[in-house]
Amino acid sequence: VRGGREVIMVSSGAIAEGMKRLGWSSRPHAIHEL
């Protein structure tokens, strides 16, 4: 950015971080849990 570029970040990780915070070791299949 300081060099004159424009940058947008697209970041995954919300579900994975939520699993960590909720203590889940594997990705759930139920939509409401996701």
Full PDB file with SEQRES, HELIX, SHEET, SSBOND, CRYST1, ORIGX, SCALE, CONECT and MASTER records, all heavy atoms in Angstrom:
SEQRES   1 A   34  VAL ARG GLY GLY ARG GLU VAL ILE MET VAL SER SER GLY          
SEQRES   2 A   34  ALA ILE ALA GLU GLY MET LYS ARG LEU GLY TRP SER SER          
SEQRES   3 A   34  ARG PRO HIS ALA ILE HIS GLU LEU                              
HELIX    1 AA1 ALA A   14  LEU A   22  1                                   9    
CRYST1    1.000    1.000    1.000  90.00  90.00  90.00 P 1           1          
ORIGX1      1.000000  0.000000  0.000000        0.00000                         
ORIGX2      0.000000  1.000000  0.000000        0.00000                         
ORIGX3      0.000000  0.000000  1.000000        0.00000                         
SCALE1      1.000000  0.000000  0.000000        0.00000                         
SCALE2      0.000000  1.000000  0.000000        0.00000                         
SCALE3      0.000000  0.000000  1.000000        0.00000                         
ATOM      1  N   VAL A   1       0.842  -1.206   0.000  1.00  0.00           N  
ATOM      2  CA  VAL A   1       0.000   0.000   0.000  1.00  0.00           C  
ATOM      3  C   VAL A   1       0.876   1.255   0.000  1.00  0.00           C  
ATOM      4  O   VAL A   1       0.598   2.221  -0.728  1.00  0.00           O  
ATOM      5  CB  VAL A   1      -0.959  -0.004   1.208  1.00  0.00           C  
ATOM      6  CG1 VAL A   1      -1.672   1.338   1.329  1.00  0.00           C  
ATOM      7  CG2 VAL A   1      -1.977  -1.135   1.072  1.00  0.00           C  
ATOM      8  N   ARG A   2       1.917   1.244   0.800  1.00  0.00           N  
ATOM      9  CA  ARG A   2       2.808   2.405   0.836  1.00  0.00           C  
ATOM     10  C   ARG A   2       3.536   2.596  -0.500  1.00  0.00           C  
ATOM     11  O   ARG A   2       3.981   3.700  -0.820  1.00  0.00           O  
ATOM     12  CB  ARG A   2       3.819   2.262   1.968  1.00  0.00           C  
ATOM     13  CG  ARG A   2       3.196   2.402   3.348  1.00  0.00           C  
ATOM     14  CD  ARG A   2       4.245   2.491   4.446  1.00  0.00           C  
ATOM     15  NE  ARG A   2       3.625   2.653   5.741  1.00  0.00           N  
ATOM     16  CZ  ARG A   2       3.299   1.648   6.549  1.00  0.00           C  
ATOM     17  NH1 ARG A   2       3.570   0.401   6.178  1.00  0.00           N  
ATOM     18  NH2 ARG A   2       2.723   1.875   7.716  1.00  0.00           N  
ATOM     19  N   GLY A   3       3.649   1.510  -1.256  1.00  0.00           N  
ATOM     20  CA  GLY A   3       4.278   1.598  -2.573  1.00  0.00           C  
ATOM     21  C   GLY A   3       3.314   1.974  -3.677  1.00  0.00           C  
ATOM     22  O   GLY A   3       3.680   1.944  -4.858  1.00  0.00           O  
ATOM     23  N   GLY A   4       2.083   2.322  -3.313  1.00  0.00           N  
ATOM     24  CA  GLY A   4       1.120   2.779  -4.305  1.00  0.00           C  
ATOM     25  C   GLY A   4       0.142   1.728  -4.793  1.00  0.00           C  
ATOM     26  O   GLY A   4      -0.653   1.993  -5.688  1.00  0.00           O  
ATOM     27  N   ARG A   5       0.190   0.522  -4.207  1.00  0.00           N  
ATOM     28  CA  ARG A   5      -0.756  -0.518  -4.607  1.00  0.00           C  
ATOM     29  C   ARG A   5      -2.050  -0.407  -3.806  1.00  0.00           C  
ATOM     30  O   ARG A   5      -2.095   0.200  -2.729  1.00  0.00           O  
ATOM     31  CB  ARG A   5      -0.167  -1.913  -4.370  1.00  0.00           C  
ATOM     32  CG  ARG A   5       1.289  -2.106  -4.775  1.00  0.00           C  
ATOM     33  CD  ARG A   5       1.486  -2.164  -6.268  1.00  0.00           C  
ATOM     34  NE  ARG A   5       2.888  -2.388  -6.592  1.00  0.00           N  
ATOM     35  CZ  ARG A   5       3.346  -3.422  -7.288  1.00  0.00           C  
ATOM     36  NH1 ARG A   5       2.510  -4.331  -7.739  1.00  0.00           N  
ATOM     37  NH2 ARG A   5       4.631  -3.540  -7.546  1.00  0.00           N  
ATOM     38  N   GLU A   6      -3.088  -1.022  -4.323  1.00  0.00           N  
ATOM     39  CA  GLU A   6      -4.341  -1.196  -3.599  1.00  0.00           C  
ATOM     40  C   GLU A   6      -4.530  -2.682  -3.344  1.00  0.00           C  
ATOM     41  O   GLU A   6      -4.380  -3.494  -4.268  1.00  0.00           O  
ATOM     42  CB  GLU A   6      -5.519  -0.648  -4.409  1.00  0.00           C  
ATOM     43  CG  GLU A   6      -5.447   0.850  -4.636  1.00  0.00           C  
ATOM     44  CD  GLU A   6      -6.582   1.360  -5.499  1.00  0.00           C  
ATOM     45  OE1 GLU A   6      -7.079   0.593  -6.349  1.00  0.00           O  
ATOM     46  OE2 GLU A   6      -6.978   2.523  -5.335  1.00  0.00           O  
ATOM     47  N   VAL A   7      -4.829  -3.046  -2.106  1.00  0.00           N  
ATOM     48  CA  VAL A   7      -4.867  -4.457  -1.719  1.00  0.00           C  
ATOM     49  C   VAL A   7      -6.186  -4.779  -1.023  1.00  0.00           C  
ATOM     50  O   VAL A   7      -6.638  -4.023  -0.146  1.00  0.00           O  
ATOM     51  CB  VAL A   7      -3.695  -4.820  -0.781  1.00  0.00           C  
ATOM     52  CG1 VAL A   7      -3.713  -6.317  -0.471  1.00  0.00           C  
ATOM     53  CG2 VAL A   7      -2.362  -4.426  -1.411  1.00  0.00           C  
ATOM     54  N   ILE A   8      -6.778  -5.885  -1.412  1.00  0.00           N  
ATOM     55  CA  ILE A   8      -7.968  -6.421  -0.753  1.00  0.00           C  
ATOM     56  C   ILE A   8      -7.634  -7.831  -0.276  1.00  0.00           C  
ATOM     57  O   ILE A   8      -7.057  -8.622  -1.023  1.00  0.00           O  
ATOM     58  CB  ILE A   8      -9.169  -6.470  -1.710  1.00  0.00           C  
ATOM     59  CG1 ILE A   8      -9.596  -5.050  -2.091  1.00  0.00           C  
ATOM     60  CG2 ILE A   8     -10.342  -7.216  -1.096  1.00  0.00           C  
ATOM     61  CD1 ILE A   8     -10.698  -5.006  -3.128  1.00  0.00           C  
ATOM     62  N   MET A   9      -7.990  -8.137   0.965  1.00  0.00           N  
ATOM     63  CA  MET A   9      -7.750  -9.463   1.520  1.00  0.00           C  
ATOM     64  C   MET A   9      -9.051 -10.252   1.562  1.00  0.00           C  
ATOM     65  O   MET A   9     -10.067  -9.768   2.067  1.00  0.00           O  
ATOM     66  CB  MET A   9      -7.167  -9.342   2.933  1.00  0.00           C  
ATOM     67  CG  MET A   9      -7.086 -10.654   3.710  1.00  0.00           C  
ATOM     68  SD  MET A   9      -5.942 -11.848   2.941  1.00  0.00           S  
ATOM     69  CE  MET A   9      -4.353 -11.251   3.548  1.00  0.00           C  
ATOM     70  N   VAL A  10      -9.038 -11.458   1.006  1.00  0.00           N  
ATOM     71  CA  VAL A  10     -10.145 -12.403   1.145  1.00  0.00           C  
ATOM     72  C   VAL A  10      -9.634 -13.532   2.030  1.00  0.00           C  
ATOM     73  O   VAL A  10      -8.728 -14.268   1.647  1.00  0.00           O  
ATOM     74  CB  VAL A  10     -10.607 -12.955  -0.219  1.00  0.00           C  
ATOM     75  CG1 VAL A  10     -11.687 -14.013  -0.034  1.00  0.00           C  
ATOM     76  CG2 VAL A  10     -11.120 -11.826  -1.100  1.00  0.00           C  
ATOM     77  N   SER A  11     -10.194 -13.635   3.216  1.00  0.00           N  
ATOM     78  CA  SER A  11      -9.644 -14.554   4.205  1.00  0.00           C  
ATOM     79  C   SER A  11     -10.634 -15.629   4.611  1.00  0.00           C  
ATOM     80  O   SER A  11     -11.756 -15.332   5.032  1.00  0.00           O  
ATOM     81  CB  SER A  11      -9.201 -13.790   5.456  1.00  0.00           C  
ATOM     82  OG  SER A  11      -8.682 -14.678   6.428  1.00  0.00           O  
ATOM     83  N   SER A  12     -10.223 -16.867   4.494  1.00  0.00           N  
ATOM     84  CA  SER A  12     -10.951 -17.975   5.088  1.00  0.00           C  
ATOM     85  C   SER A  12     -10.632 -18.022   6.575  1.00  0.00           C  
ATOM     86  O   SER A  12      -9.852 -17.220   7.080  1.00  0.00           O  
ATOM     87  CB  SER A  12     -10.543 -19.295   4.419  1.00  0.00           C  
ATOM     88  OG  SER A  12     -10.832 -19.281   3.050  1.00  0.00           O  
ATOM     89  N   GLY A  13     -11.227 -18.965   7.278  1.00  0.00           N  
ATOM     90  CA  GLY A  13     -10.832 -19.204   8.656  1.00  0.00           C  
ATOM     91  C   GLY A  13     -11.894 -19.008   9.705  1.00  0.00           C  
ATOM     92  O   GLY A  13     -11.677 -19.385  10.861  1.00  0.00           O  
ATOM     93  N   ALA A  14     -13.048 -18.422   9.353  1.00  0.00           N  
ATOM     94  CA  ALA A  14     -14.057 -18.161  10.380  1.00  0.00           C  
ATOM     95  C   ALA A  14     -14.605 -19.453  10.978  1.00  0.00           C  
ATOM     96  O   ALA A  14     -14.697 -19.601  12.200  1.00  0.00           O  
ATOM     97  CB  ALA A  14     -15.195 -17.320   9.802  1.00  0.00           C  
ATOM     98  N   ILE A  15     -14.976 -20.395  10.118  1.00  0.00           N  
ATOM     99  CA  ILE A  15     -15.529 -21.652  10.634  1.00  0.00           C  
ATOM    100  C   ILE A  15     -14.464 -22.430  11.401  1.00  0.00           C  
ATOM    101  O   ILE A  15     -14.725 -22.963  12.489  1.00  0.00           O  
ATOM    102  CB  ILE A  15     -16.114 -22.498   9.489  1.00  0.00           C  
ATOM    103  CG1 ILE A  15     -17.364 -21.807   8.922  1.00  0.00           C  
ATOM    104  CG2 ILE A  15     -16.462 -23.907   9.967  1.00  0.00           C  
ATOM    105  CD1 ILE A  15     -18.001 -22.543   7.761  1.00  0.00           C  
ATOM    106  N   ALA A  16     -13.247 -22.478  10.849  1.00  0.00           N  
ATOM    107  CA  ALA A  16     -12.175 -23.206  11.526  1.00  0.00           C  
ATOM    108  C   ALA A  16     -11.867 -22.599  12.896  1.00  0.00           C  
ATOM    109  O   ALA A  16     -11.653 -23.323  13.885  1.00  0.00           O  
ATOM    110  CB  ALA A  16     -10.922 -23.219  10.653  1.00  0.00           C  
ATOM    111  N   GLU A  17     -11.845 -21.274  12.982  1.00  0.00           N  
ATOM    112  CA  GLU A  17     -11.594 -20.623  14.265  1.00  0.00           C  
ATOM    113  C   GLU A  17     -12.761 -20.849  15.223  1.00  0.00           C  
ATOM    114  O   GLU A  17     -12.566 -21.056  16.426  1.00  0.00           O  
ATOM    115  CB  GLU A  17     -11.359 -19.121  14.054  1.00  0.00           C  
ATOM    116  CG  GLU A  17     -11.310 -18.286  15.330  1.00  0.00           C  
ATOM    117  CD  GLU A  17     -10.171 -18.644  16.267  1.00  0.00           C  
ATOM    118  OE1 GLU A  17      -9.270 -19.429  15.875  1.00  0.00           O  
ATOM    119  OE2 GLU A  17     -10.167 -18.134  17.405  1.00  0.00           O  
ATOM    120  N   GLY A  18     -13.975 -20.834  14.691  1.00  0.00           N  
ATOM    121  CA  GLY A  18     -15.134 -21.119  15.533  1.00  0.00           C  
ATOM    122  C   GLY A  18     -15.092 -22.526  16.096  1.00  0.00           C  
ATOM    123  O   GLY A  18     -15.429 -22.751  17.267  1.00  0.00           O  
ATOM    124  N   MET A  19     -14.678 -23.486  15.280  1.00  0.00           N  
ATOM    125  CA  MET A  19     -14.522 -24.865  15.751  1.00  0.00           C  
ATOM    126  C   MET A  19     -13.528 -24.920  16.897  1.00  0.00           C  
ATOM    127  O   MET A  19     -13.753 -25.612  17.901  1.00  0.00           O  
ATOM    128  CB  MET A  19     -14.053 -25.757  14.594  1.00  0.00           C  
ATOM    129  CG  MET A  19     -15.115 -26.029  13.535  1.00  0.00           C  
ATOM    130  SD  MET A  19     -14.388 -26.741  12.024  1.00  0.00           S  
ATOM    131  CE  MET A  19     -13.414 -28.092  12.698  1.00  0.00           C  
ATOM    132  N   LYS A  20     -12.421 -24.204  16.757  1.00  0.00           N  
ATOM    133  CA  LYS A  20     -11.409 -24.179  17.817  1.00  0.00           C  
ATOM    134  C   LYS A  20     -11.993 -23.603  19.107  1.00  0.00           C  
ATOM    135  O   LYS A  20     -11.816 -24.156  20.199  1.00  0.00           O  
ATOM    136  CB  LYS A  20     -10.221 -23.337  17.342  1.00  0.00           C  
ATOM    137  CG  LYS A  20      -9.258 -22.888  18.415  1.00  0.00           C  
ATOM    138  CD  LYS A  20      -8.453 -24.028  19.008  1.00  0.00           C  
ATOM    139  CE  LYS A  20      -7.266 -23.530  19.812  1.00  0.00           C  
ATOM    140  NZ  LYS A  20      -7.565 -22.467  20.784  1.00  0.00           N  
ATOM    141  N   ARG A  21     -12.693 -22.493  19.004  1.00  0.00           N  
ATOM    142  CA  ARG A  21     -13.249 -21.844  20.186  1.00  0.00           C  
ATOM    143  C   ARG A  21     -14.343 -22.682  20.841  1.00  0.00           C  
ATOM    144  O   ARG A  21     -14.533 -22.606  22.052  1.00  0.00           O  
ATOM    145  CB  ARG A  21     -13.794 -20.467  19.802  1.00  0.00           C  
ATOM    146  CG  ARG A  21     -12.718 -19.476  19.400  1.00  0.00           C  
ATOM    147  CD  ARG A  21     -13.295 -18.091  19.142  1.00  0.00           C  
ATOM    148  NE  ARG A  21     -12.207 -17.123  18.914  1.00  0.00           N  
ATOM    149  CZ  ARG A  21     -12.288 -15.838  19.200  1.00  0.00           C  
ATOM    150  NH1 ARG A  21     -13.395 -15.337  19.732  1.00  0.00           N  
ATOM    151  NH2 ARG A  21     -11.267 -15.031  18.962  1.00  0.00           N  
ATOM    152  N   LEU A  22     -15.043 -23.460  20.027  1.00  0.00           N  
ATOM    153  CA  LEU A  22     -16.116 -24.301  20.554  1.00  0.00           C  
ATOM    154  C   LEU A  22     -15.620 -25.680  21.000  1.00  0.00           C  
ATOM    155  O   LEU A  22     -16.396 -26.481  21.527  1.00  0.00           O  
ATOM    156  CB  LEU A  22     -17.211 -24.464  19.498  1.00  0.00           C  
ATOM    157  CG  LEU A  22     -17.998 -23.183  19.173  1.00  0.00           C  
ATOM    158  CD1 LEU A  22     -18.848 -23.395  17.914  1.00  0.00           C  
ATOM    159  CD2 LEU A  22     -18.871 -22.778  20.350  1.00  0.00           C  
ATOM    160  N   GLY A  23     -14.347 -25.958  20.765  1.00  0.00           N  
ATOM    161  CA  GLY A  23     -13.777 -27.229  21.193  1.00  0.00           C  
ATOM    162  C   GLY A  23     -14.108 -28.394  20.290  1.00  0.00           C  
ATOM    163  O   GLY A  23     -14.049 -29.554  20.715  1.00  0.00           O  
ATOM    164  N   TRP A  24     -14.451 -28.128  19.026  1.00  0.00           N  
ATOM    165  CA  TRP A  24     -14.790 -29.197  18.079  1.00  0.00           C  
ATOM    166  C   TRP A  24     -13.540 -29.628  17.325  1.00  0.00           C  
ATOM    167  O   TRP A  24     -12.829 -28.805  16.761  1.00  0.00           O  
ATOM    168  CB  TRP A  24     -15.841 -28.729  17.084  1.00  0.00           C  
ATOM    169  CG  TRP A  24     -17.144 -28.342  17.730  1.00  0.00           C  
ATOM    170  CD1 TRP A  24     -17.555 -28.583  19.006  1.00  0.00           C  
ATOM    171  CD2 TRP A  24     -18.210 -27.609  17.108  1.00  0.00           C  
ATOM    172  NE1 TRP A  24     -18.801 -28.074  19.228  1.00  0.00           N  
ATOM    173  CE2 TRP A  24     -19.233 -27.469  18.087  1.00  0.00           C  
ATOM    174  CE3 TRP A  24     -18.411 -27.074  15.847  1.00  0.00           C  
ATOM    175  CZ2 TRP A  24     -20.429 -26.811  17.818  1.00  0.00           C  
ATOM    176  CZ3 TRP A  24     -19.590 -26.420  15.570  1.00  0.00           C  
ATOM    177  CH2 TRP A  24     -20.593 -26.292  16.542  1.00  0.00           C  
ATOM    178  N   SER A  25     -13.293 -30.909  17.255  1.00  0.00           N  
ATOM    179  CA  SER A  25     -12.089 -31.424  16.602  1.00  0.00           C  
ATOM    180  C   SER A  25     -12.307 -31.739  15.133  1.00  0.00           C  
ATOM    181  O   SER A  25     -11.347 -31.888  14.377  1.00  0.00           O  
ATOM    182  CB  SER A  25     -11.592 -32.684  17.322  1.00  0.00           C  
ATOM    183  OG  SER A  25     -12.602 -33.690  17.319  1.00  0.00           O  
ATOM    184  N   SER A  26     -13.537 -31.874  14.703  1.00  0.00           N  
ATOM    185  CA  SER A  26     -13.824 -32.161  13.302  1.00  0.00           C  
ATOM    186  C   SER A  26     -14.940 -31.248  12.805  1.00  0.00           C  
ATOM    187  O   SER A  26     -15.796 -30.815  13.586  1.00  0.00           O  
ATOM    188  CB  SER A  26     -14.221 -33.625  13.108  1.00  0.00           C  
ATOM    189  OG  SER A  26     -15.386 -33.933  13.860  1.00  0.00           O  
ATOM    190  N   ARG A  27     -14.931 -30.972  11.521  1.00  0.00           N  
ATOM    191  CA  ARG A  27     -15.911 -30.077  10.919  1.00  0.00           C  
ATOM    192  C   ARG A  27     -17.289 -30.727  10.972  1.00  0.00           C  
ATOM    193  O   ARG A  27     -17.473 -31.846  10.486  1.00  0.00           O  
ATOM    194  CB  ARG A  27     -15.522 -29.786   9.467  1.00  0.00           C  
ATOM    195  CG  ARG A  27     -16.412 -28.756   8.762  1.00  0.00           C  
ATOM    196  CD  ARG A  27     -15.993 -28.617   7.301  1.00  0.00           C  
ATOM    197  NE  ARG A  27     -16.835 -27.696   6.575  1.00  0.00           N  
ATOM    198  CZ  ARG A  27     -16.533 -26.416   6.324  1.00  0.00           C  
ATOM    199  NH1 ARG A  27     -15.411 -25.920   6.752  1.00  0.00           N  
ATOM    200  NH2 ARG A  27     -17.368 -25.642   5.637  1.00  0.00           N  
ATOM    201  N   PRO A  28     -18.295 -30.042  11.538  1.00  0.00           N  
ATOM    202  CA  PRO A  28     -19.639 -30.620  11.614  1.00  0.00           C  
ATOM    203  C   PRO A  28     -20.311 -30.628  10.246  1.00  0.00           C  
ATOM    204  O   PRO A  28     -19.883 -29.947   9.318  1.00  0.00           O  
ATOM    205  CB  PRO A  28     -20.371 -29.675  12.571  1.00  0.00           C  
ATOM    206  CG  PRO A  28     -19.667 -28.369  12.413  1.00  0.00           C  
ATOM    207  CD  PRO A  28     -18.225 -28.708  12.161  1.00  0.00           C  
ATOM    208  N   HIS A  29     -21.385 -31.410  10.139  1.00  0.00           N  
ATOM    209  CA  HIS A  29     -22.133 -31.491   8.884  1.00  0.00           C  
ATOM    210  C   HIS A  29     -23.439 -30.718   8.948  1.00  0.00           C  
ATOM    211  O   HIS A  29     -23.964 -30.290   7.920  1.00  0.00           O  
ATOM    212  CB  HIS A  29     -22.414 -32.951   8.538  1.00  0.00           C  
ATOM    213  CG  HIS A  29     -21.175 -33.756   8.301  1.00  0.00           C  
ATOM    214  ND1 HIS A  29     -20.398 -33.617   7.170  1.00  0.00           N  
ATOM    215  CD2 HIS A  29     -20.565 -34.710   9.063  1.00  0.00           C  
ATOM    216  CE1 HIS A  29     -19.372 -34.452   7.244  1.00  0.00           C  
ATOM    217  NE2 HIS A  29     -19.439 -35.119   8.382  1.00  0.00           N  
ATOM    218  N   ALA A  30     -23.985 -30.538  10.132  1.00  0.00           N  
ATOM    219  CA  ALA A  30     -25.258 -29.837  10.280  1.00  0.00           C  
ATOM    220  C   ALA A  30     -25.077 -28.357   9.955  1.00  0.00           C  
ATOM    221  O   ALA A  30     -24.156 -27.707  10.456  1.00  0.00           O  
ATOM    222  CB  ALA A  30     -25.800 -30.003  11.698  1.00  0.00           C  
ATOM    223  N   ILE A  31     -25.983 -27.822   9.125  1.00  0.00           N  
ATOM    224  CA  ILE A  31     -25.870 -26.434   8.690  1.00  0.00           C  
ATOM    225  C   ILE A  31     -25.901 -25.471   9.875  1.00  0.00           C  
ATOM    226  O   ILE A  31     -25.110 -24.520   9.937  1.00  0.00           O  
ATOM    227  CB  ILE A  31     -27.002 -26.096   7.702  1.00  0.00           C  
ATOM    228  CG1 ILE A  31     -26.792 -26.865   6.385  1.00  0.00           C  
ATOM    229  CG2 ILE A  31     -27.065 -24.604   7.433  1.00  0.00           C  
ATOM    230  CD1 ILE A  31     -25.533 -26.479   5.648  1.00  0.00           C  
ATOM    231  N   HIS A  32     -26.799 -25.712  10.836  1.00  0.00           N  
ATOM    232  CA  HIS A  32     -26.893 -24.768  11.942  1.00  0.00           C  
ATOM    233  C   HIS A  32     -25.630 -24.768  12.792  1.00  0.00           C  
ATOM    234  O   HIS A  32     -25.269 -23.747  13.380  1.00  0.00           O  
ATOM    235  CB  HIS A  32     -28.124 -25.075  12.807  1.00  0.00           C  
ATOM    236  CG  HIS A  32     -28.065 -26.391  13.514  1.00  0.00           C  
ATOM    237  ND1 HIS A  32     -28.432 -27.570  12.915  1.00  0.00           N  
ATOM    238  CD2 HIS A  32     -27.674 -26.708  14.780  1.00  0.00           C  
ATOM    239  CE1 HIS A  32     -28.273 -28.565  13.784  1.00  0.00           C  
ATOM    240  NE2 HIS A  32     -27.809 -28.068  14.911  1.00  0.00           N  
ATOM    241  N   GLU A  33     -24.920 -25.900  12.869  1.00  0.00           N  
ATOM    242  CA  GLU A  33     -23.672 -25.935  13.611  1.00  0.00           C  
ATOM    243  C   GLU A  33     -22.561 -25.202  12.845  1.00  0.00           C  
ATOM    244  O   GLU A  33     -21.725 -24.510  13.443  1.00  0.00           O  
ATOM    245  CB  GLU A  33     -23.267 -27.379  13.894  1.00  0.00           C  
ATOM    246  CG  GLU A  33     -24.193 -28.074  14.899  1.00  0.00           C  
ATOM    247  CD  GLU A  33     -23.765 -29.496  15.177  1.00  0.00           C  
ATOM    248  OE1 GLU A  33     -23.076 -30.093  14.311  1.00  0.00           O  
ATOM    249  OE2 GLU A  33     -24.115 -30.022  16.246  1.00  0.00           O  
ATOM    250  N   LEU A  34     -22.550 -25.332  11.526  1.00  0.00           N  
ATOM    251  CA  LEU A  34     -21.589 -24.591  10.717  1.00  0.00           C  
ATOM    252  C   LEU A  34     -21.827 -23.090  10.834  1.00  0.00           C  
ATOM    253  O   LEU A  34     -20.880 -22.289  10.947  1.00  0.00           O  
ATOM    254  CB  LEU A  34     -21.692 -25.024   9.254  1.00  0.00           C  
ATOM    255  CG  LEU A  34     -21.148 -26.419   8.917  1.00  0.00           C  
ATOM    256  CD1 LEU A  34     -21.594 -26.837   7.529  1.00  0.00           C  
ATOM    257  CD2 LEU A  34     -19.632 -26.434   9.007  1.00  0.00           C  
TER     258      LEU A  34                                                      
MASTER        0    0    0    1    0    0    0    6  257    1    0    3          
END                                                                             
